[in-house]
Amino acid sequence: MKRLIRLFKTFTLWELFIGLSVTGRNFWRRKVTIQYPEEETPISPRFRGMLALRRYPNGEERCIACKLCEAVCPACAITIEAGPRAGDGSRRTTKYEIDDFKCIKCGFCEEACPVDSIVLTHEMHYHIAERGDNILTKEKLLMIGDIYEKRLAADRAIDKEFR
């Protein structure tokens, strides 16, 4: 009996009919494919994209060189060197670098920061053109933070109740 069933499946191309029936069922359903460059999917309010450093409204950088973000980073992507500031002697960063190739965008650094200095923006369209551009220096991070500050402040206000 098993041989007869196997012979029937072989000569009638049973698998082909099953495959065509699946295709026929799904052919008339609504399409879920998105034409990416022309259409974009909505981004979640909690999306974690490009990193940035924020400033206070008076222009002073927020980072106090506590090194909590460096300690909590599971990928060891953050490097911080601290030193006293010339004006008042408070501790500030002299070197703040993030290796974007190592960074896994987990958000631990953002959660650990006591002054909301380091944040993850919603920007997902960025590229690295040359070798060495993957190292985000303090100046680059502050520049990114200045560009996205209004949106970052609005996102922080919305997300405040969950923190």
N, C-alpha and C. Protein backbone atom coordinates (compact mmCIF):
# COMPACT_ATOMS: atom_id res chain seq x y z
N MET A 1 0.82 -1.19 0.00
CA MET A 1 0.00 0.00 0.00
C MET A 1 0.87 1.26 0.00
N LYS A 2 1.97 1.23 0.78
CA LYS A 2 2.85 2.39 0.83
C LYS A 2 3.49 2.65 -0.53
N ARG A 3 3.82 1.59 -1.22
CA ARG A 3 4.41 1.74 -2.55
C ARG A 3 3.40 2.37 -3.52
N LEU A 4 2.16 2.00 -3.39
CA LEU A 4 1.12 2.53 -4.26
C LEU A 4 0.93 4.03 -4.00
N ILE A 5 0.93 4.42 -2.74
CA ILE A 5 0.79 5.84 -2.40
C ILE A 5 1.99 6.62 -2.89
N ARG A 6 3.19 6.09 -2.71
CA ARG A 6 4.39 6.76 -3.20
C ARG A 6 4.39 6.88 -4.72
N LEU A 7 3.94 5.85 -5.39
CA LEU A 7 3.83 5.87 -6.85
C LEU A 7 2.82 6.93 -7.30
N PHE A 8 1.70 7.02 -6.60
CA PHE A 8 0.68 8.02 -6.93
C PHE A 8 1.24 9.43 -6.76
N LYS A 9 1.94 9.67 -5.64
CA LYS A 9 2.51 10.99 -5.39
C LYS A 9 3.59 11.33 -6.41
N THR A 10 4.33 10.34 -6.85
CA THR A 10 5.40 10.58 -7.81
C THR A 10 4.84 10.94 -9.19
N PHE A 11 3.86 10.19 -9.65
CA PHE A 11 3.36 10.42 -11.00
C PHE A 11 2.39 11.59 -11.09
N THR A 12 1.74 11.94 -10.03
CA THR A 12 0.79 13.07 -10.09
C THR A 12 1.43 14.38 -9.65
N LEU A 13 2.67 14.34 -9.27
CA LEU A 13 3.39 15.54 -8.82
C LEU A 13 2.64 16.22 -7.67
N TRP A 14 2.34 15.43 -6.67
CA TRP A 14 1.54 15.89 -5.53
C TRP A 14 2.13 17.14 -4.87
N GLU A 15 3.45 17.19 -4.71
CA GLU A 15 4.08 18.35 -4.08
C GLU A 15 3.87 19.61 -4.90
N LEU A 16 3.86 19.46 -6.23
CA LEU A 16 3.61 20.61 -7.09
C LEU A 16 2.20 21.14 -6.88
N PHE A 17 1.23 20.27 -6.76
CA PHE A 17 -0.14 20.70 -6.53
C PHE A 17 -0.29 21.39 -5.18
N ILE A 18 0.37 20.87 -4.17
CA ILE A 18 0.30 21.49 -2.85
C ILE A 18 0.94 22.88 -2.90
N GLY A 19 2.07 22.99 -3.55
CA GLY A 19 2.73 24.29 -3.68
C GLY A 19 1.88 25.29 -4.44
N LEU A 20 1.26 24.85 -5.53
CA LEU A 20 0.39 25.74 -6.30
C LEU A 20 -0.85 26.14 -5.51
N SER A 21 -1.35 25.25 -4.66
CA SER A 21 -2.52 25.62 -3.85
C SER A 21 -2.16 26.69 -2.83
N VAL A 22 -0.97 26.61 -2.25
CA VAL A 22 -0.51 27.65 -1.32
C VAL A 22 -0.36 28.98 -2.06
N THR A 23 0.22 28.93 -3.25
CA THR A 23 0.37 30.14 -4.05
C THR A 23 -0.99 30.71 -4.41
N GLY A 24 -1.92 29.86 -4.81
CA GLY A 24 -3.26 30.32 -5.17
C GLY A 24 -4.00 30.96 -4.01
N ARG A 25 -3.84 30.40 -2.81
CA ARG A 25 -4.50 30.98 -1.63
C ARG A 25 -3.96 32.36 -1.30
N ASN A 26 -2.65 32.53 -1.42
CA ASN A 26 -2.02 33.79 -1.02
C ASN A 26 -1.95 34.83 -2.14
N PHE A 27 -2.29 34.43 -3.36
CA PHE A 27 -2.14 35.34 -4.49
C PHE A 27 -3.06 36.55 -4.38
N TRP A 28 -4.24 36.39 -3.85
CA TRP A 28 -5.22 37.48 -3.82
C TRP A 28 -5.22 38.23 -2.50
N ARG A 29 -4.39 37.86 -1.56
CA ARG A 29 -4.33 38.58 -0.28
C ARG A 29 -3.65 39.93 -0.44
N ARG A 30 -3.83 40.79 0.56
CA ARG A 30 -3.22 42.11 0.55
C ARG A 30 -1.71 41.99 0.61
N LYS A 31 -1.02 42.78 -0.18
CA LYS A 31 0.44 42.73 -0.25
C LYS A 31 1.04 43.41 0.98
N VAL A 32 2.10 42.85 1.51
CA VAL A 32 2.77 43.43 2.67
C VAL A 32 4.14 44.00 2.31
N THR A 33 4.54 43.86 1.07
CA THR A 33 5.84 44.36 0.65
C THR A 33 5.80 45.88 0.56
N ILE A 34 6.87 46.52 1.03
CA ILE A 34 6.98 47.98 0.96
C ILE A 34 8.12 48.31 0.03
N GLN A 35 7.90 49.24 -0.87
CA GLN A 35 8.94 49.70 -1.78
C GLN A 35 9.81 50.68 -1.01
N TYR A 36 10.90 50.18 -0.40
CA TYR A 36 11.60 50.91 0.65
C TYR A 36 12.07 52.32 0.33
N PRO A 37 12.84 52.58 -0.67
CA PRO A 37 13.31 53.98 -0.76
C PRO A 37 12.18 54.98 -0.96
N GLU A 38 11.13 54.57 -1.67
CA GLU A 38 10.02 55.49 -1.91
C GLU A 38 9.08 55.55 -0.71
N GLU A 39 8.81 54.43 -0.09
CA GLU A 39 7.92 54.35 1.07
C GLU A 39 8.74 53.97 2.30
N GLU A 40 8.40 54.58 3.42
CA GLU A 40 9.08 54.20 4.66
C GLU A 40 8.06 53.70 5.67
N THR A 41 8.46 52.72 6.43
CA THR A 41 7.58 52.23 7.49
C THR A 41 7.64 53.19 8.66
N PRO A 42 6.59 53.28 9.44
CA PRO A 42 6.65 54.16 10.61
C PRO A 42 7.67 53.63 11.62
N ILE A 43 8.40 54.55 12.23
CA ILE A 43 9.43 54.18 13.19
C ILE A 43 8.85 54.26 14.60
N SER A 44 9.16 53.30 15.41
CA SER A 44 8.70 53.27 16.79
C SER A 44 9.26 54.46 17.56
N PRO A 45 8.50 55.01 18.50
CA PRO A 45 9.04 56.12 19.31
C PRO A 45 10.24 55.70 20.16
N ARG A 46 10.42 54.42 20.36
CA ARG A 46 11.56 53.94 21.15
C ARG A 46 12.68 53.38 20.29
N PHE A 47 12.68 53.70 19.00
CA PHE A 47 13.73 53.23 18.10
C PHE A 47 15.07 53.80 18.53
N ARG A 48 16.12 52.98 18.48
CA ARG A 48 17.46 53.41 18.86
C ARG A 48 18.33 53.47 17.62
N GLY A 49 18.72 54.67 17.24
CA GLY A 49 19.52 54.87 16.04
C GLY A 49 20.88 55.44 16.37
N MET A 50 21.21 56.55 15.72
CA MET A 50 22.51 57.19 15.86
C MET A 50 22.69 57.78 17.26
N LEU A 51 23.91 57.73 17.76
CA LEU A 51 24.23 58.27 19.08
C LEU A 51 24.48 59.77 19.01
N ALA A 52 24.22 60.47 20.12
CA ALA A 52 24.46 61.91 20.19
C ALA A 52 24.74 62.30 21.63
N LEU A 53 25.46 63.42 21.80
CA LEU A 53 25.67 64.02 23.11
C LEU A 53 24.87 65.32 23.17
N ARG A 54 24.22 65.57 24.29
CA ARG A 54 23.38 66.76 24.44
C ARG A 54 24.11 67.85 25.22
N ARG A 55 23.59 69.07 25.06
CA ARG A 55 24.08 70.23 25.81
C ARG A 55 22.94 70.79 26.65
N TYR A 56 23.31 71.58 27.66
CA TYR A 56 22.32 72.34 28.40
C TYR A 56 21.87 73.52 27.55
N PRO A 57 20.73 74.14 27.88
CA PRO A 57 20.27 75.29 27.08
C PRO A 57 21.27 76.44 27.01
N ASN A 58 22.16 76.56 28.00
CA ASN A 58 23.16 77.64 27.96
C ASN A 58 24.37 77.29 27.09
N GLY A 59 24.39 76.10 26.48
CA GLY A 59 25.47 75.70 25.57
C GLY A 59 26.53 74.82 26.20
N GLU A 60 26.48 74.63 27.50
CA GLU A 60 27.47 73.80 28.19
C GLU A 60 27.13 72.33 27.98
N GLU A 61 28.16 71.52 27.73
CA GLU A 61 27.91 70.10 27.52
C GLU A 61 27.43 69.46 28.82
N ARG A 62 26.57 68.46 28.69
CA ARG A 62 25.97 67.83 29.87
C ARG A 62 26.89 66.81 30.53
N CYS A 63 27.76 66.19 29.77
CA CYS A 63 28.57 65.09 30.28
C CYS A 63 29.46 65.55 31.44
N ILE A 64 29.37 64.83 32.56
CA ILE A 64 30.16 65.18 33.75
C ILE A 64 31.31 64.18 33.96
N ALA A 65 31.58 63.35 32.97
CA ALA A 65 32.68 62.39 33.00
C ALA A 65 32.58 61.41 34.17
N CYS A 66 31.38 60.94 34.44
CA CYS A 66 31.21 59.96 35.52
C CYS A 66 31.62 58.56 35.08
N LYS A 67 31.71 58.34 33.79
CA LYS A 67 32.14 57.08 33.18
C LYS A 67 31.19 55.91 33.43
N LEU A 68 29.95 56.20 33.79
CA LEU A 68 28.98 55.12 33.97
C LEU A 68 28.64 54.46 32.64
N CYS A 69 28.55 55.27 31.58
CA CYS A 69 28.23 54.70 30.26
C CYS A 69 29.35 53.78 29.79
N GLU A 70 30.58 54.15 30.06
CA GLU A 70 31.72 53.31 29.68
C GLU A 70 31.69 52.00 30.46
N ALA A 71 31.33 52.06 31.73
CA ALA A 71 31.31 50.87 32.57
C ALA A 71 30.18 49.92 32.19
N VAL A 72 29.04 50.46 31.78
CA VAL A 72 27.87 49.63 31.52
C VAL A 72 27.83 49.09 30.09
N CYS A 73 28.64 49.61 29.20
CA CYS A 73 28.61 49.21 27.79
C CYS A 73 29.06 47.75 27.64
N PRO A 74 28.16 46.86 27.17
CA PRO A 74 28.53 45.45 27.05
C PRO A 74 29.52 45.19 25.91
N ALA A 75 29.58 46.08 24.94
CA ALA A 75 30.47 45.89 23.79
C ALA A 75 31.80 46.61 23.96
N CYS A 76 31.98 47.32 25.06
CA CYS A 76 33.20 48.10 25.32
C CYS A 76 33.48 49.06 24.16
N ALA A 77 32.44 49.73 23.69
CA ALA A 77 32.56 50.62 22.54
C ALA A 77 32.87 52.06 22.95
N ILE A 78 32.74 52.40 24.22
CA ILE A 78 32.91 53.77 24.69
C ILE A 78 34.25 53.93 25.39
N THR A 79 34.97 55.01 25.04
CA THR A 79 36.24 55.35 25.68
C THR A 79 36.14 56.77 26.19
N ILE A 80 36.41 56.96 27.48
CA ILE A 80 36.32 58.30 28.07
C ILE A 80 37.59 58.59 28.85
N GLU A 81 38.12 59.79 28.65
CA GLU A 81 39.20 60.32 29.48
C GLU A 81 38.70 61.61 30.09
N ALA A 82 38.92 61.77 31.38
CA ALA A 82 38.41 62.93 32.10
C ALA A 82 39.55 63.81 32.58
N GLY A 83 39.22 65.07 32.78
CA GLY A 83 40.18 66.03 33.30
C GLY A 83 39.45 67.23 33.87
N PRO A 84 40.14 68.04 34.67
CA PRO A 84 39.48 69.22 35.23
C PRO A 84 39.27 70.29 34.15
N ARG A 85 38.14 71.00 34.25
CA ARG A 85 37.87 72.08 33.32
C ARG A 85 38.67 73.30 33.74
N ALA A 86 39.11 74.08 32.78
CA ALA A 86 40.00 75.22 33.06
C ALA A 86 39.32 76.29 33.91
N GLY A 87 38.06 76.57 33.66
CA GLY A 87 37.38 77.67 34.35
C GLY A 87 37.15 77.44 35.83
N ASP A 88 36.40 76.41 36.18
CA ASP A 88 36.02 76.21 37.58
C ASP A 88 36.57 74.93 38.19
N GLY A 89 37.31 74.16 37.44
CA GLY A 89 37.94 72.96 37.99
C GLY A 89 37.03 71.75 38.08
N SER A 90 35.79 71.86 37.59
CA SER A 90 34.89 70.70 37.62
C SER A 90 35.37 69.67 36.60
N ARG A 91 35.03 68.43 36.84
CA ARG A 91 35.51 67.34 35.99
C ARG A 91 34.67 67.28 34.71
N ARG A 92 35.35 67.26 33.58
CA ARG A 92 34.70 67.14 32.27
C ARG A 92 35.51 66.18 31.41
N THR A 93 34.94 65.78 30.30
CA THR A 93 35.63 64.85 29.41
C THR A 93 36.64 65.58 28.54
N THR A 94 37.81 65.00 28.43
CA THR A 94 38.80 65.52 27.49
C THR A 94 38.77 64.68 26.21
N LYS A 95 38.39 63.41 26.36
CA LYS A 95 38.26 62.52 25.20
C LYS A 95 37.01 61.67 25.41
N TYR A 96 36.13 61.69 24.44
CA TYR A 96 34.91 60.89 24.49
C TYR A 96 34.74 60.28 23.11
N GLU A 97 34.93 58.98 22.99
CA GLU A 97 34.85 58.31 21.70
C GLU A 97 33.96 57.08 21.79
N ILE A 98 33.21 56.87 20.73
CA ILE A 98 32.38 55.68 20.62
C ILE A 98 32.70 55.02 19.28
N ASP A 99 33.04 53.75 19.32
CA ASP A 99 33.29 53.00 18.09
C ASP A 99 31.94 52.49 17.59
N ASP A 100 31.46 53.06 16.49
CA ASP A 100 30.14 52.73 15.98
C ASP A 100 30.06 51.31 15.43
N PHE A 101 31.20 50.72 15.06
CA PHE A 101 31.19 49.33 14.61
C PHE A 101 30.97 48.38 15.79
N LYS A 102 31.48 48.73 16.95
CA LYS A 102 31.31 47.88 18.13
C LYS A 102 29.95 48.08 18.79
N CYS A 103 29.42 49.29 18.70
CA CYS A 103 28.18 49.63 19.40
C CYS A 103 27.02 48.77 18.91
N ILE A 104 26.28 48.20 19.85
CA ILE A 104 25.15 47.34 19.50
C ILE A 104 23.81 48.05 19.72
N LYS A 105 23.85 49.34 20.02
CA LYS A 105 22.65 50.17 20.17
C LYS A 105 21.68 49.59 21.20
N CYS A 106 22.23 49.15 22.31
CA CYS A 106 21.40 48.52 23.34
C CYS A 106 20.70 49.55 24.22
N GLY A 107 21.26 50.75 24.33
CA GLY A 107 20.64 51.79 25.13
C GLY A 107 21.05 51.78 26.59
N PHE A 108 21.95 50.89 26.99
CA PHE A 108 22.38 50.85 28.39
C PHE A 108 23.08 52.15 28.79
N CYS A 109 23.87 52.70 27.87
CA CYS A 109 24.58 53.95 28.18
C CYS A 109 23.58 55.08 28.42
N GLU A 110 22.53 55.10 27.65
CA GLU A 110 21.49 56.12 27.79
C GLU A 110 20.78 55.99 29.14
N GLU A 111 20.52 54.77 29.55
CA GLU A 111 19.85 54.53 30.83
C GLU A 111 20.76 54.84 32.02
N ALA A 112 22.05 54.59 31.87
CA ALA A 112 22.99 54.78 32.97
C ALA A 112 23.35 56.24 33.20
N CYS A 113 23.22 57.08 32.20
CA CYS A 113 23.65 58.47 32.29
C CYS A 113 22.77 59.25 33.27
N PRO A 114 23.36 59.82 34.33
CA PRO A 114 22.56 60.53 35.33
C PRO A 114 22.09 61.91 34.87
N VAL A 115 22.70 62.47 33.83
CA VAL A 115 22.34 63.83 33.39
C VAL A 115 21.76 63.84 31.98
N ASP A 116 21.36 62.70 31.45
CA ASP A 116 20.79 62.61 30.09
C ASP A 116 21.72 63.18 29.04
N SER A 117 22.99 62.92 29.16
CA SER A 117 23.96 63.47 28.22
C SER A 117 24.00 62.66 26.93
N ILE A 118 24.16 61.36 27.04
CA ILE A 118 24.24 60.53 25.84
C ILE A 118 22.86 59.97 25.53
N VAL A 119 22.47 60.09 24.27
CA VAL A 119 21.15 59.64 23.85
C VAL A 119 21.27 58.94 22.50
N LEU A 120 20.28 58.14 22.21
CA LEU A 120 20.17 57.50 20.91
C LEU A 120 19.05 58.20 20.15
N THR A 121 19.37 58.73 18.98
CA THR A 121 18.38 59.46 18.18
C THR A 121 17.53 58.48 17.39
N HIS A 122 16.57 59.01 16.66
CA HIS A 122 15.73 58.19 15.78
C HIS A 122 16.30 58.11 14.37
N GLU A 123 17.47 58.67 14.16
CA GLU A 123 18.06 58.70 12.82
C GLU A 123 18.63 57.33 12.47
N MET A 124 18.11 56.75 11.39
CA MET A 124 18.62 55.45 10.97
C MET A 124 19.31 55.51 9.62
N HIS A 125 19.25 56.64 8.95
CA HIS A 125 19.85 56.78 7.62
C HIS A 125 21.17 57.53 7.75
N TYR A 126 22.21 56.82 8.07
CA TYR A 126 23.53 57.42 8.08
C TYR A 126 24.52 56.38 7.59
N HIS A 127 25.61 56.86 7.05
CA HIS A 127 26.60 55.94 6.50
C HIS A 127 27.99 56.36 6.93
N ILE A 128 28.91 55.44 6.77
CA ILE A 128 30.31 55.69 7.10
C ILE A 128 31.07 55.63 5.78
N ALA A 129 31.58 56.79 5.35
CA ALA A 129 32.18 56.90 4.02
C ALA A 129 33.64 56.48 3.99
N GLU A 130 34.39 56.83 5.02
CA GLU A 130 35.83 56.57 5.00
C GLU A 130 36.25 55.78 6.24
N ARG A 131 37.38 55.15 6.11
CA ARG A 131 37.94 54.41 7.23
C ARG A 131 38.21 55.39 8.38
N GLY A 132 37.82 55.04 9.55
CA GLY A 132 38.02 55.90 10.70
C GLY A 132 36.81 56.74 11.05
N ASP A 133 35.84 56.85 10.14
CA ASP A 133 34.62 57.60 10.43
C ASP A 133 33.71 56.85 11.40
N ASN A 134 34.02 55.58 11.64
CA ASN A 134 33.23 54.82 12.60
C ASN A 134 33.51 55.24 14.04
N ILE A 135 34.60 55.94 14.27
CA ILE A 135 34.90 56.45 15.61
C ILE A 135 34.20 57.80 15.76
N LEU A 136 33.19 57.83 16.61
CA LEU A 136 32.45 59.06 16.85
C LEU A 136 33.12 59.81 17.99
N THR A 137 33.73 60.94 17.67
CA THR A 137 34.43 61.74 18.68
C THR A 137 33.44 62.63 19.41
N LYS A 138 33.92 63.27 20.45
CA LYS A 138 33.09 64.16 21.25
C LYS A 138 32.50 65.27 20.39
N GLU A 139 33.31 65.83 19.50
CA GLU A 139 32.85 66.93 18.65
C GLU A 139 31.75 66.47 17.70
N LYS A 140 31.91 65.28 17.10
CA LYS A 140 30.88 64.75 16.20
C LYS A 140 29.59 64.49 16.96
N LEU A 141 29.72 63.89 18.14
CA LEU A 141 28.54 63.57 18.93
C LEU A 141 27.80 64.82 19.38
N LEU A 142 28.54 65.86 19.76
CA LEU A 142 27.90 67.12 20.15
C LEU A 142 27.22 67.78 18.95
N MET A 143 27.84 67.69 17.78
CA MET A 143 27.25 68.26 16.58
C MET A 143 25.93 67.55 16.24
N ILE A 144 25.92 66.23 16.34
CA ILE A 144 24.70 65.45 16.09
C ILE A 144 23.63 65.83 17.11
N GLY A 145 24.04 65.99 18.36
CA GLY A 145 23.10 66.39 19.41
C GLY A 145 22.52 67.76 19.16
N ASP A 146 23.33 68.70 18.66
CA ASP A 146 22.83 70.04 18.35
C ASP A 146 21.80 70.00 17.22
N ILE A 147 22.04 69.15 16.23
CA ILE A 147 21.12 69.05 15.10
C ILE A 147 19.76 68.50 15.54
N TYR A 148 19.76 67.50 16.40
CA TYR A 148 18.52 66.82 16.78
C TYR A 148 17.99 67.25 18.15
N GLU A 149 18.47 68.34 18.72
CA GLU A 149 18.12 68.71 20.10
C GLU A 149 16.62 68.90 20.31
N LYS A 150 15.94 69.58 19.41
CA LYS A 150 14.51 69.83 19.60
C LYS A 150 13.73 68.51 19.64
N ARG A 151 14.04 67.62 18.74
CA ARG A 151 13.34 66.34 18.72
C ARG A 151 13.70 65.50 19.94
N LEU A 152 14.97 65.54 20.34
CA LEU A 152 15.40 64.78 21.52
C LEU A 152 14.69 65.28 22.77
N ALA A 153 14.58 66.60 22.92
CA ALA A 153 13.90 67.16 24.09
C ALA A 153 12.43 66.76 24.10
N ALA A 154 11.79 66.78 22.93
CA ALA A 154 10.38 66.38 22.86
C ALA A 154 10.23 64.90 23.19
N ASP A 155 11.12 64.07 22.69
CA ASP A 155 11.07 62.63 22.99
C ASP A 155 11.29 62.36 24.47
N ARG A 156 12.20 63.11 25.09
CA ARG A 156 12.46 62.94 26.53
C ARG A 156 11.22 63.32 27.34
N ALA A 157 10.52 64.37 26.91
CA ALA A 157 9.32 64.80 27.63
C ALA A 157 8.22 63.73 27.53
N ILE A 158 8.08 63.13 26.36
CA ILE A 158 7.08 62.08 26.17
C ILE A 158 7.44 60.84 26.98
N ASP A 159 8.70 60.49 26.99
CA ASP A 159 9.17 59.25 27.62
C ASP A 159 9.43 59.40 29.12
N LYS A 160 9.25 60.61 29.66
CA LYS A 160 9.61 60.87 31.05
C LYS A 160 8.84 60.00 32.04
N GLU A 161 7.57 59.76 31.77
CA GLU A 161 6.77 58.98 32.71
C GLU A 161 7.18 57.52 32.79
N PHE A 162 7.92 57.04 31.80
CA PHE A 162 8.36 55.65 31.79
C PHE A 162 9.74 55.47 32.39
N ARG A 163 10.41 56.53 32.76
CA ARG A 163 11.77 56.45 33.30
C ARG A 163 11.76 56.46 34.80
